[in-house]
N, C-alpha and C. Protein backbone atom coordinates (compact mmCIF):
# COMPACT_ATOMS: atom_id res chain seq x y z
N MET A 1 -26.86 2.33 23.31
CA MET A 1 -27.34 0.78 22.68
C MET A 1 -27.77 0.83 21.33
N LEU A 2 -28.17 1.83 20.85
CA LEU A 2 -28.71 1.76 19.39
C LEU A 2 -27.11 1.79 18.35
N ALA A 3 -26.10 2.65 19.03
CA ALA A 3 -24.74 2.26 18.13
C ALA A 3 -24.10 1.49 18.59
N MET A 4 -24.48 0.59 19.63
CA MET A 4 -24.00 -1.07 19.23
C MET A 4 -24.39 -1.70 18.49
N VAL A 5 -25.54 -1.59 18.41
CA VAL A 5 -26.47 -2.55 17.57
C VAL A 5 -25.97 -2.13 16.28
N SER A 6 -25.93 -1.09 15.84
CA SER A 6 -25.24 -0.86 14.30
C SER A 6 -23.93 -1.27 14.16
N VAL A 7 -22.71 -0.97 15.14
CA VAL A 7 -21.80 -2.05 15.09
C VAL A 7 -21.96 -3.27 15.08
N ILE A 8 -22.56 -3.85 15.68
CA ILE A 8 -22.74 -5.38 15.39
C ILE A 8 -23.70 -6.06 13.88
N GLY A 9 -24.55 -4.93 13.72
CA GLY A 9 -25.54 -5.40 12.61
C GLY A 9 -23.86 -5.28 11.42
N ALA A 10 -23.37 -4.20 11.45
CA ALA A 10 -22.58 -4.31 10.20
C ALA A 10 -21.43 -4.83 10.23
N ASN A 11 -20.84 -5.32 11.36
CA ASN A 11 -19.74 -6.25 11.83
C ASN A 11 -20.67 -7.69 10.45
N LEU A 12 -21.58 -7.90 11.30
CA LEU A 12 -22.40 -9.43 10.43
C LEU A 12 -22.61 -8.98 8.92
N MET A 13 -23.36 -7.89 8.27
CA MET A 13 -23.10 -7.79 7.22
C MET A 13 -22.12 -7.91 6.38
N ARG A 14 -20.71 -7.39 7.40
CA ARG A 14 -19.52 -7.65 6.38
C ARG A 14 -18.84 -9.01 6.47
N ASP A 15 -19.26 -9.60 7.36
CA ASP A 15 -19.10 -11.00 7.36
C ASP A 15 -19.44 -11.59 6.24
N ARG A 16 -21.00 -11.48 6.46
CA ARG A 16 -21.74 -12.34 4.79
C ARG A 16 -21.02 -11.69 3.99
N ALA A 17 -20.79 -10.50 3.60
CA ALA A 17 -20.38 -10.04 2.16
C ALA A 17 -18.73 -10.10 1.94
N SER A 18 -17.95 -10.80 3.09
CA SER A 18 -16.85 -11.36 2.98
C SER A 18 -16.48 -12.54 2.79
N ALA A 19 -17.50 -13.22 3.17
CA ALA A 19 -17.32 -14.88 4.01
C ALA A 19 -16.73 -15.68 2.22
N GLY A 20 -15.93 -16.75 2.62
CA GLY A 20 -15.12 -17.29 1.40
C GLY A 20 -14.05 -16.19 0.86
N ALA A 21 -13.46 -14.98 1.30
CA ALA A 21 -12.62 -14.12 0.63
C ALA A 21 -11.45 -14.99 1.65
N GLY A 22 -10.19 -15.46 0.90
CA GLY A 22 -9.36 -16.06 1.52
C GLY A 22 -8.97 -17.54 1.79
N GLU A 23 -10.31 -17.87 1.16
CA GLU A 23 -10.75 -19.55 1.69
C GLU A 23 -9.04 -20.58 1.17
N ASP A 24 -8.12 -19.70 0.13
CA ASP A 24 -7.16 -20.26 -0.09
C ASP A 24 -6.71 -19.11 -1.01
N ALA A 25 -5.31 -19.57 -1.55
CA ALA A 25 -3.97 -18.28 -2.03
C ALA A 25 -4.89 -17.46 -3.17
N GLY A 26 -5.71 -18.16 -4.15
CA GLY A 26 -6.10 -17.68 -5.12
C GLY A 26 -7.57 -17.06 -4.97
N ALA A 27 -8.28 -16.65 -3.95
CA ALA A 27 -9.50 -16.68 -3.75
C ALA A 27 -9.78 -15.30 -3.16
N LEU A 28 -8.35 -14.58 -2.96
CA LEU A 28 -8.73 -13.16 -2.43
C LEU A 28 -9.56 -12.38 -2.89
N ARG A 29 -10.20 -11.78 -2.57
CA ARG A 29 -11.00 -10.99 -3.27
C ARG A 29 -10.81 -9.48 -3.70
N HIS A 30 -11.22 -8.69 -4.23
CA HIS A 30 -10.68 -7.27 -4.58
C HIS A 30 -12.04 -6.67 -4.10
N LEU A 31 -11.68 -5.45 -2.76
CA LEU A 31 -12.86 -5.64 -1.96
C LEU A 31 -13.17 -3.83 -2.19
N GLY A 32 -12.03 -3.18 -2.63
CA GLY A 32 -12.17 -1.75 -3.11
C GLY A 32 -10.82 -0.97 -2.63
N ASN A 33 -10.83 0.26 -2.75
CA ASN A 33 -9.42 1.12 -2.49
C ASN A 33 -9.74 1.49 -1.24
N ALA A 34 -8.66 1.46 -0.27
CA ALA A 34 -8.49 2.13 1.25
C ALA A 34 -8.47 3.70 0.59
N PRO A 35 -9.28 4.48 1.64
CA PRO A 35 -9.25 5.65 0.97
C PRO A 35 -8.19 6.53 1.57
N ALA A 36 -7.46 7.49 0.54
CA ALA A 36 -6.72 8.17 1.04
C ALA A 36 -6.60 8.79 2.47
N PHE A 37 -5.34 8.79 2.83
CA PHE A 37 -5.45 9.78 4.19
C PHE A 37 -4.10 10.02 4.20
N SER A 38 -3.56 11.04 4.93
CA SER A 38 -2.76 12.15 5.57
C SER A 38 -2.51 12.21 6.81
N LEU A 39 -1.73 11.48 7.90
CA LEU A 39 -1.39 11.35 9.32
C LEU A 39 -0.30 11.11 9.60
N ILE A 40 -0.17 11.35 11.17
CA ILE A 40 1.38 11.52 11.67
C ILE A 40 1.39 10.09 12.25
N ASP A 41 2.91 9.72 12.86
CA ASP A 41 2.56 8.44 13.06
C ASP A 41 3.20 8.89 14.76
N GLN A 42 3.45 7.95 15.63
CA GLN A 42 4.04 7.76 16.79
C GLN A 42 5.40 8.69 17.12
N ASN A 43 6.18 8.77 15.54
CA ASN A 43 7.13 9.49 15.92
C ASN A 43 7.27 11.34 14.88
N GLU A 44 5.89 11.27 15.17
CA GLU A 44 5.90 12.48 14.39
C GLU A 44 6.06 12.53 13.02
N ARG A 45 6.03 11.46 12.28
CA ARG A 45 6.75 11.38 11.38
C ARG A 45 5.01 11.54 10.23
N PRO A 46 4.87 11.77 8.75
CA PRO A 46 4.43 11.83 8.15
C PRO A 46 3.87 10.46 7.57
N VAL A 47 2.78 9.93 7.73
CA VAL A 47 2.55 8.76 6.54
C VAL A 47 0.96 8.86 5.91
N THR A 48 1.10 8.67 4.77
CA THR A 48 0.41 8.18 3.83
C THR A 48 -0.26 6.69 3.44
N LEU A 49 -1.58 7.09 2.58
CA LEU A 49 -1.43 5.57 1.73
C LEU A 49 -0.51 5.73 0.92
N GLU A 50 -0.04 6.67 -0.05
CA GLU A 50 0.37 6.42 -1.05
C GLU A 50 2.04 5.92 -0.57
N SER A 51 2.50 6.83 1.07
CA SER A 51 3.67 5.98 1.73
C SER A 51 3.82 4.47 2.05
N LEU A 52 2.38 4.27 1.84
CA LEU A 52 2.40 2.65 2.23
C LEU A 52 2.70 1.77 1.50
N LYS A 53 1.98 2.34 0.68
CA LYS A 53 2.20 1.31 -1.24
C LYS A 53 3.69 0.78 -1.59
N GLY A 54 3.28 0.00 -2.02
CA GLY A 54 4.48 -1.29 -2.29
C GLY A 54 5.20 -2.34 -1.39
N LYS A 55 3.81 -2.53 -0.18
CA LYS A 55 4.43 -3.39 0.91
C LYS A 55 2.72 -3.72 0.99
N PRO A 56 2.28 -4.87 1.17
CA PRO A 56 0.81 -5.00 2.30
C PRO A 56 0.84 -4.89 3.38
N PHE A 57 -0.06 -3.90 3.74
CA PHE A 57 -0.01 -4.10 5.34
C PHE A 57 -1.50 -4.26 5.83
N ILE A 58 -1.68 -4.64 7.44
CA ILE A 58 -2.71 -4.94 8.45
C ILE A 58 -2.97 -3.90 8.81
N ALA A 59 -4.20 -3.47 8.87
CA ALA A 59 -4.51 -2.22 9.62
C ALA A 59 -5.23 -2.66 10.79
N ASP A 60 -5.59 -2.20 11.99
CA ASP A 60 -7.05 -1.84 13.03
C ASP A 60 -7.35 -0.41 13.47
N PHE A 61 -8.04 -0.58 14.20
CA PHE A 61 -8.66 0.78 14.71
C PHE A 61 -8.59 0.68 16.01
N ILE A 62 -8.31 1.08 17.26
CA ILE A 62 -7.59 1.18 18.44
C ILE A 62 -7.62 2.53 19.31
N PHE A 63 -7.72 2.74 20.23
CA PHE A 63 -7.03 3.89 21.19
C PHE A 63 -6.67 3.40 22.74
N THR A 64 -5.82 4.21 22.89
CA THR A 64 -4.65 3.61 24.55
C THR A 64 -5.59 3.99 25.20
N LYS A 65 -6.46 4.57 25.56
CA LYS A 65 -7.34 4.52 26.83
C LYS A 65 -8.14 3.68 27.14
N CYS A 66 -8.72 2.90 25.79
CA CYS A 66 -9.47 1.36 25.57
C CYS A 66 -9.53 0.54 26.84
N ALA A 67 -10.49 0.64 27.54
CA ALA A 67 -10.10 -0.93 28.81
C ALA A 67 -11.20 -2.16 28.49
N GLY A 68 -11.08 -1.78 26.72
CA GLY A 68 -11.71 -3.44 26.38
C GLY A 68 -11.15 -3.74 25.57
N PRO A 69 -11.27 -4.28 23.96
CA PRO A 69 -10.80 -4.95 23.08
C PRO A 69 -9.10 -4.53 22.73
N CYS A 70 -9.17 -2.96 23.30
CA CYS A 70 -7.69 -2.39 22.25
C CYS A 70 -6.36 -3.51 22.86
N PRO A 71 -6.40 -3.65 24.00
CA PRO A 71 -4.87 -4.25 24.20
C PRO A 71 -5.30 -5.22 24.08
N VAL A 72 -5.58 -6.20 23.66
CA VAL A 72 -6.32 -7.81 23.21
C VAL A 72 -5.78 -7.88 21.69
N MET A 73 -6.45 -6.56 21.24
CA MET A 73 -6.28 -6.55 19.43
C MET A 73 -4.83 -6.30 19.45
N SER A 74 -4.01 -5.19 20.27
CA SER A 74 -2.78 -4.89 19.73
C SER A 74 -2.08 -5.83 20.11
N ALA A 75 -2.02 -6.93 20.93
CA ALA A 75 -1.39 -8.29 21.40
C ALA A 75 -1.31 -8.72 20.50
N THR A 76 -2.41 -8.96 19.95
CA THR A 76 -2.53 -9.93 18.61
C THR A 76 -1.94 -9.86 17.30
N MET A 77 -2.06 -7.91 17.41
CA MET A 77 -1.23 -7.60 16.46
C MET A 77 0.51 -8.13 16.37
N LYS A 78 0.87 -8.14 17.69
CA LYS A 78 2.21 -7.98 17.94
C LYS A 78 2.41 -9.72 17.69
N THR A 79 1.58 -10.95 18.00
CA THR A 79 1.58 -11.72 17.37
C THR A 79 1.96 -12.05 16.07
N LEU A 80 1.13 -11.58 15.48
CA LEU A 80 1.37 -11.79 13.69
C LEU A 80 2.76 -11.48 13.07
N ARG A 81 2.78 -10.25 13.55
CA ARG A 81 4.26 -9.40 13.39
C ARG A 81 5.55 -10.80 13.11
N LYS A 82 5.29 -11.48 14.40
CA LYS A 82 6.06 -12.26 14.58
C LYS A 82 6.10 -13.58 13.39
N LYS A 83 4.52 -13.76 12.75
CA LYS A 83 4.31 -14.80 12.00
C LYS A 83 4.16 -14.53 10.85
N VAL A 84 4.11 -13.05 10.57
CA VAL A 84 4.07 -13.14 8.52
C VAL A 84 5.32 -12.20 8.33
N PRO A 85 5.76 -12.35 7.08
CA PRO A 85 6.93 -12.01 6.40
C PRO A 85 7.13 -10.71 6.76
N ALA A 86 8.53 -10.12 6.52
CA ALA A 86 8.80 -8.96 7.09
C ALA A 86 8.28 -7.79 6.30
N ASP A 87 7.93 -8.39 4.87
CA ASP A 87 7.20 -7.33 4.46
C ASP A 87 6.16 -7.21 4.04
N VAL A 88 5.48 -7.44 5.10
CA VAL A 88 4.09 -7.24 5.45
C VAL A 88 4.50 -6.31 6.98
N ASN A 89 3.59 -4.67 6.35
CA ASN A 89 3.66 -4.02 7.20
C ASN A 89 2.33 -3.50 8.42
N PHE A 90 2.19 -3.02 9.54
CA PHE A 90 1.16 -2.74 10.40
C PHE A 90 0.90 -1.53 10.61
N VAL A 91 -0.57 -1.04 10.72
CA VAL A 91 -0.93 0.16 10.64
C VAL A 91 -2.22 0.27 11.91
N SER A 92 -1.85 1.16 13.05
CA SER A 92 -3.43 0.76 14.10
C SER A 92 -3.59 2.23 13.79
N PHE A 93 -4.72 2.81 13.54
CA PHE A 93 -5.19 3.89 13.74
C PHE A 93 -5.98 4.21 15.17
N SER A 94 -5.82 5.45 15.68
CA SER A 94 -6.18 5.94 16.85
C SER A 94 -7.76 6.80 16.71
N VAL A 95 -9.15 6.16 17.13
CA VAL A 95 -9.71 6.32 16.80
C VAL A 95 -10.59 7.47 18.26
N ASP A 96 -9.20 7.85 18.86
CA ASP A 96 -9.47 8.98 20.02
C ASP A 96 -8.04 10.16 19.03
N PRO A 97 -8.56 10.40 18.23
CA PRO A 97 -7.28 10.91 17.94
C PRO A 97 -6.65 12.68 18.85
N LYS A 98 -7.61 13.30 19.42
CA LYS A 98 -7.39 13.94 20.53
C LYS A 98 -6.46 14.04 21.71
N GLN A 99 -7.03 12.57 22.11
CA GLN A 99 -6.27 12.43 23.45
C GLN A 99 -4.99 11.58 22.98
N ASP A 100 -4.90 10.83 21.63
CA ASP A 100 -3.44 9.89 21.45
C ASP A 100 -2.98 10.87 20.44
N ARG A 101 -1.86 11.72 20.80
CA ARG A 101 -1.23 12.71 20.44
C ARG A 101 0.09 11.49 20.27
N PRO A 102 1.32 11.88 19.33
CA PRO A 102 2.50 11.12 19.34
C PRO A 102 2.91 10.64 20.55
N ALA A 103 3.28 11.41 21.40
CA ALA A 103 4.25 10.85 22.37
C ALA A 103 3.30 10.01 23.11
N VAL A 104 1.82 9.97 23.20
CA VAL A 104 0.83 9.10 23.91
C VAL A 104 1.01 7.68 22.96
N LEU A 105 1.10 7.76 22.05
CA LEU A 105 1.34 6.78 20.88
C LEU A 105 1.96 6.00 21.07
N ARG A 106 3.20 6.64 20.90
CA ARG A 106 4.66 6.44 21.35
C ARG A 106 4.87 5.50 22.49
N GLU A 107 4.29 5.76 23.91
CA GLU A 107 4.48 5.04 25.22
C GLU A 107 3.49 3.45 24.61
N TYR A 108 2.54 4.31 24.31
CA TYR A 108 1.54 2.91 24.15
C TYR A 108 2.28 1.53 23.34
N ALA A 109 2.94 2.62 21.82
CA ALA A 109 3.35 1.62 20.93
C ALA A 109 4.83 0.60 21.63
N ALA A 110 5.82 1.80 22.37
CA ALA A 110 6.56 0.97 23.07
C ALA A 110 6.19 -0.66 23.79
N ILE A 111 4.78 -0.54 24.43
CA ILE A 111 4.18 -2.03 25.29
C ILE A 111 4.14 -3.04 24.31
N PHE A 112 3.82 -2.58 22.95
CA PHE A 112 3.54 -3.93 21.88
C PHE A 112 5.10 -4.03 20.92
N SER A 113 5.80 -2.93 20.62
CA SER A 113 6.61 -3.30 19.52
C SER A 113 7.60 -2.10 19.42
N THR A 114 8.49 -2.35 19.26
CA THR A 114 10.40 -1.60 19.25
C THR A 114 10.66 -1.52 17.60
N ASP A 115 9.73 -2.02 16.92
CA ASP A 115 9.88 -1.81 15.41
C ASP A 115 9.06 -0.20 14.76
N ASP A 116 9.21 0.29 14.52
CA ASP A 116 8.86 1.45 14.76
C ASP A 116 8.69 1.63 12.73
N ALA A 117 9.77 0.98 12.31
CA ALA A 117 9.65 1.16 10.66
C ALA A 117 8.38 0.30 10.24
N ARG A 118 8.07 -1.26 11.05
CA ARG A 118 7.12 -1.47 10.56
C ARG A 118 5.53 -1.52 10.81
N TRP A 119 5.40 -0.90 12.18
CA TRP A 119 4.00 -0.85 12.79
C TRP A 119 4.06 0.83 13.20
N HIS A 120 3.14 1.60 12.22
CA HIS A 120 2.83 2.59 12.55
C HIS A 120 1.36 2.65 13.31
N PHE A 121 1.66 3.41 14.52
CA PHE A 121 0.40 4.17 15.44
C PHE A 121 0.03 5.57 14.69
N LEU A 122 -1.04 5.23 14.36
CA LEU A 122 -1.35 6.91 13.45
C LEU A 122 -2.40 7.52 13.81
N THR A 123 -2.25 8.79 14.11
CA THR A 123 -3.11 9.94 14.41
C THR A 123 -3.23 11.41 13.33
N VAL A 124 -4.25 12.24 14.01
CA VAL A 124 -4.13 13.49 12.92
C VAL A 124 -3.14 14.47 13.27
N ALA A 125 -2.83 14.98 12.45
CA ALA A 125 -1.77 15.98 12.31
C ALA A 125 -2.37 17.41 13.83
N LYS A 126 -3.15 17.37 13.90
CA LYS A 126 -4.45 18.19 14.34
C LYS A 126 -5.17 17.98 15.05
N PRO A 127 -5.39 18.29 16.60
CA PRO A 127 -6.50 17.54 17.16
C PRO A 127 -7.93 18.10 16.62
N GLU A 128 -7.98 19.07 15.92
CA GLU A 128 -9.02 19.51 15.57
C GLU A 128 -9.81 18.82 14.31
N ASP A 129 -8.73 18.04 13.79
CA ASP A 129 -9.23 17.08 12.79
C ASP A 129 -9.94 15.55 12.76
N ALA A 130 -10.00 15.53 13.98
CA ALA A 130 -10.57 14.34 14.61
C ALA A 130 -11.38 13.55 13.57
N ALA A 131 -12.35 14.81 13.87
CA ALA A 131 -13.72 13.82 12.75
C ALA A 131 -13.11 13.09 11.28
N ALA A 132 -11.81 13.24 11.10
CA ALA A 132 -11.23 12.53 9.86
C ALA A 132 -10.80 11.21 10.04
N MET A 133 -10.63 10.49 11.41
CA MET A 133 -10.82 9.70 11.79
C MET A 133 -11.48 8.63 11.45
N TYR A 134 -12.78 8.77 11.63
CA TYR A 134 -13.98 8.49 11.79
C TYR A 134 -14.54 7.96 10.10
N THR A 135 -14.38 9.45 9.42
CA THR A 135 -14.86 9.51 8.25
C THR A 135 -13.46 8.31 7.35
N LEU A 136 -12.32 8.06 7.61
CA LEU A 136 -11.34 7.01 7.25
C LEU A 136 -11.69 5.52 7.50
N ALA A 137 -12.51 5.83 8.75
CA ALA A 137 -12.94 4.38 9.21
C ALA A 137 -14.01 3.41 8.32
N ARG A 138 -14.73 4.68 7.84
CA ARG A 138 -16.41 4.20 7.39
C ARG A 138 -15.61 3.94 5.63
N GLY A 139 -14.14 4.75 5.47
CA GLY A 139 -13.78 4.62 4.18
C GLY A 139 -12.97 3.10 3.99
N MET A 140 -12.77 2.75 5.01
CA MET A 140 -12.04 1.08 5.29
C MET A 140 -13.40 0.24 5.48
N LEU A 141 -14.43 0.32 5.43
CA LEU A 141 -15.69 -0.15 5.35
C LEU A 141 -15.85 -0.76 6.98
N LEU A 142 -15.47 0.18 8.02
CA LEU A 142 -15.44 -0.18 9.51
C LEU A 142 -16.39 0.28 10.15
N THR A 143 -16.53 0.28 11.23
CA THR A 143 -17.67 1.06 12.41
C THR A 143 -16.40 1.27 13.35
N ALA A 144 -16.81 3.13 13.37
CA ALA A 144 -16.26 3.49 14.38
C ALA A 144 -16.96 5.03 14.76
N THR A 145 -16.86 5.36 15.98
CA THR A 145 -17.90 6.26 16.18
C THR A 145 -17.41 6.80 18.03
N PRO A 146 -17.59 8.47 17.70
CA PRO A 146 -16.87 9.17 18.84
C PRO A 146 -17.31 8.93 20.53
N ALA A 147 -17.29 9.60 21.14
CA ALA A 147 -17.54 9.13 22.76
C ALA A 147 -18.38 10.46 22.78
N ASP A 148 -19.75 10.40 23.21
CA ASP A 148 -20.69 11.61 22.88
C ASP A 148 -21.22 11.39 25.00
N ALA A 149 -22.67 11.71 24.65
CA ALA A 149 -23.29 12.09 26.16
C ALA A 149 -23.66 10.31 26.97
N ARG A 150 -23.56 9.70 25.79
CA ARG A 150 -24.63 8.77 26.29
C ARG A 150 -23.53 7.13 26.28
N ASN A 151 -22.63 7.55 25.30
CA ASN A 151 -22.05 5.95 24.22
C ASN A 151 -20.59 6.60 24.57
N PRO A 152 -19.71 5.49 25.03
CA PRO A 152 -18.20 5.63 24.98
C PRO A 152 -17.88 5.59 23.36
N ILE A 153 -16.57 5.55 23.04
CA ILE A 153 -16.18 5.49 21.71
C ILE A 153 -16.11 4.01 21.72
N LEU A 154 -16.75 3.95 20.30
CA LEU A 154 -17.31 2.55 19.82
C LEU A 154 -16.37 2.39 18.36
N HIS A 155 -15.78 1.47 18.31
CA HIS A 155 -14.87 0.84 16.92
C HIS A 155 -14.69 -0.75 16.81
N ASP A 156 -14.65 -0.98 15.39
CA ASP A 156 -14.90 -2.33 14.87
C ASP A 156 -13.23 -3.03 15.52
N LYS A 157 -13.48 -4.40 15.85
CA LYS A 157 -12.51 -5.16 16.38
C LYS A 157 -11.96 -6.21 14.89
N HIS A 158 -12.64 -5.95 13.87
CA HIS A 158 -11.73 -6.69 12.58
C HIS A 158 -10.39 -6.18 12.06
N PHE A 159 -9.73 -7.04 11.59
CA PHE A 159 -8.15 -6.46 11.09
C PHE A 159 -8.82 -6.25 9.47
N VAL A 160 -7.89 -5.32 8.71
CA VAL A 160 -8.10 -5.38 7.37
C VAL A 160 -6.69 -5.49 6.99
N LEU A 161 -6.67 -6.21 5.49
CA LEU A 161 -5.49 -6.61 5.04
C LEU A 161 -5.77 -5.63 3.26
N VAL A 162 -4.71 -5.20 3.59
CA VAL A 162 -4.61 -3.83 2.28
C VAL A 162 -3.09 -4.79 1.48
N ASP A 163 -3.27 -4.35 -0.06
CA ASP A 163 -2.41 -5.34 -0.61
C ASP A 163 -1.65 -3.88 -0.81
N SER A 164 -0.22 -4.31 -1.73
CA SER A 164 0.57 -3.38 -1.97
C SER A 164 0.16 -2.34 -2.83
N ALA A 165 -0.92 -2.16 -3.72
CA ALA A 165 -1.07 -1.22 -4.38
C ALA A 165 -2.83 -0.39 -3.45
N GLY A 166 -2.58 -1.08 -2.41
CA GLY A 166 -3.65 -0.10 -1.38
C GLY A 166 -4.72 -0.36 -1.79
N GLU A 167 -5.22 -1.50 -2.22
CA GLU A 167 -6.95 -2.17 -1.86
C GLU A 167 -7.08 -2.95 -0.81
N ILE A 168 -7.91 -2.89 -0.51
CA ILE A 168 -8.61 -3.65 0.55
C ILE A 168 -8.68 -5.45 0.10
N ARG A 169 -8.31 -6.39 0.78
CA ARG A 169 -8.36 -7.10 0.31
C ARG A 169 -8.77 -8.60 1.14
N GLY A 170 -9.07 -8.14 2.60
CA GLY A 170 -10.37 -9.49 3.13
C GLY A 170 -10.07 -8.33 4.87
N PHE A 171 -11.19 -9.06 5.62
CA PHE A 171 -11.60 -8.70 6.78
C PHE A 171 -11.65 -9.79 7.95
N TYR A 172 -11.27 -9.47 8.98
CA TYR A 172 -10.61 -10.73 9.64
C TYR A 172 -11.14 -10.21 11.33
N ASP A 173 -11.92 -11.17 11.92
CA ASP A 173 -12.22 -11.25 13.32
C ASP A 173 -11.16 -11.29 14.14
N SER A 174 -10.40 -10.12 14.98
CA SER A 174 -9.54 -10.14 15.81
C SER A 174 -9.76 -11.36 16.83
N ASP A 175 -10.85 -11.58 17.15
CA ASP A 175 -10.81 -12.30 18.30
C ASP A 175 -10.95 -14.05 18.12
N ASP A 176 -10.87 -14.22 16.71
CA ASP A 176 -11.41 -15.71 15.77
C ASP A 176 -9.95 -16.28 15.39
N LYS A 177 -9.44 -17.36 16.60
CA LYS A 177 -8.28 -17.62 15.87
C LYS A 177 -8.09 -18.14 14.88
N SER A 178 -9.24 -18.97 14.03
CA SER A 178 -8.65 -19.35 12.67
C SER A 178 -9.17 -18.28 11.89
N GLN A 179 -9.47 -16.87 11.94
CA GLN A 179 -9.53 -16.01 11.00
C GLN A 179 -7.80 -15.60 11.18
N MET A 180 -7.67 -15.26 12.16
CA MET A 180 -5.94 -15.00 12.48
C MET A 180 -5.05 -15.62 11.46
N ASP A 181 -5.32 -16.99 11.98
CA ASP A 181 -4.40 -18.00 11.19
C ASP A 181 -4.44 -17.54 9.75
N GLN A 182 -5.88 -17.18 9.01
CA GLN A 182 -6.25 -17.35 7.68
C GLN A 182 -5.48 -15.93 7.07
N LEU A 183 -5.60 -14.87 8.08
CA LEU A 183 -5.32 -13.60 7.86
C LEU A 183 -3.36 -13.96 7.49
N ILE A 184 -2.82 -14.28 8.52
CA ILE A 184 -1.41 -14.82 8.33
C ILE A 184 -0.98 -15.55 6.69
N THR A 185 -2.00 -16.38 6.38
CA THR A 185 -1.97 -17.22 5.11
C THR A 185 -2.14 -16.08 3.70
N ASP A 186 -3.06 -15.33 4.03
CA ASP A 186 -3.45 -14.23 3.30
C ASP A 186 -2.33 -13.21 3.34
N ALA A 187 -1.71 -12.57 4.24
CA ALA A 187 -1.13 -11.89 4.40
C ALA A 187 0.36 -12.07 3.08
N SER A 188 0.94 -13.46 3.46
CA SER A 188 1.86 -14.06 3.12
C SER A 188 1.84 -14.01 1.30
N ALA A 189 0.26 -14.69 1.00
CA ALA A 189 -0.05 -14.80 -0.61
C ALA A 189 -0.04 -13.75 -1.34
N LEU A 190 -0.12 -12.37 -0.48
CA LEU A 190 -0.26 -11.50 -1.50
C LEU A 190 1.50 -10.53 -1.49
N LEU A 191 2.12 -11.30 -1.27
CA LEU A 191 3.55 -11.08 -1.43
C LEU A 191 4.13 -11.64 -2.68
N HIS A 192 3.32 -12.75 -3.27
CA HIS A 192 3.72 -13.62 -4.20
C HIS A 192 2.96 -13.27 -5.59
N GLU A 193 1.76 -12.19 -5.27
CA GLU A 193 1.13 -11.28 -6.57
C GLU A 193 1.93 -10.87 -7.13
N PRO A 194 1.87 -10.46 -8.69
CA PRO A 194 2.60 -9.58 -9.28
C PRO A 194 2.03 -8.04 -8.97
N PRO A 195 2.96 -7.36 -8.83
CA PRO A 195 2.48 -6.27 -8.54
C PRO A 195 1.83 -5.16 -9.58
N ALA A 196 0.99 -4.81 -8.79
CA ALA A 196 -0.02 -3.81 -9.70
C ALA A 196 0.56 -2.40 -10.18
N ALA A 197 0.06 -2.15 -11.45
CA ALA A 197 1.00 -1.08 -12.19
C ALA A 197 0.53 0.15 -11.45
N GLY A 198 1.92 0.71 -11.14
CA GLY A 198 1.67 2.08 -10.41
C GLY A 198 2.40 2.24 -8.93
N THR A 199 2.89 0.66 -8.12
CA THR A 199 2.85 0.40 -7.00
C THR A 199 4.76 0.37 -7.19
N LYS A 200 5.30 1.00 -6.16
CA LYS A 200 6.49 1.24 -6.19
C LYS A 200 7.29 -0.46 -5.94
């Protein structure tokens, strides 16, 4: 229960902190750099923050055995993929990386997308490095905790918008249609921003 309260509290604080971000195309705020990472995708290809730079991406944290929000989040991502420009990519980080090995992620990904080049489902290269995924979630200003004797895996349901320079620009409640509409607008607006120094 305490863990769930922490998740809810963190979401509420972030909602207040990011209120107004993305109210119009010029209002997207700079919320800090996304943390560097080195992971593998559903096809066992290496993916890093550096390799994703050059195009904006929308990210979330899910896991394949999730009986709760994850299938809905992934279905929402699938819908977004059809509504945002082709130069916006998608990244789903697994918060159950020991279970979600590339073959498992590949099977899950096939349910929602056949566009492997545009939507990466990411896990750690070595199962023993699973804790790195929770550190990454914290670095993305989201909450994710592994299962323990008393609690299942807990994770945030927000989507994160990251620009082409690897900077976080907004958080959006995946359950809120109006925020999903705003995410479509904001992701599209990022494509018209002048490229930051050092981007491809």
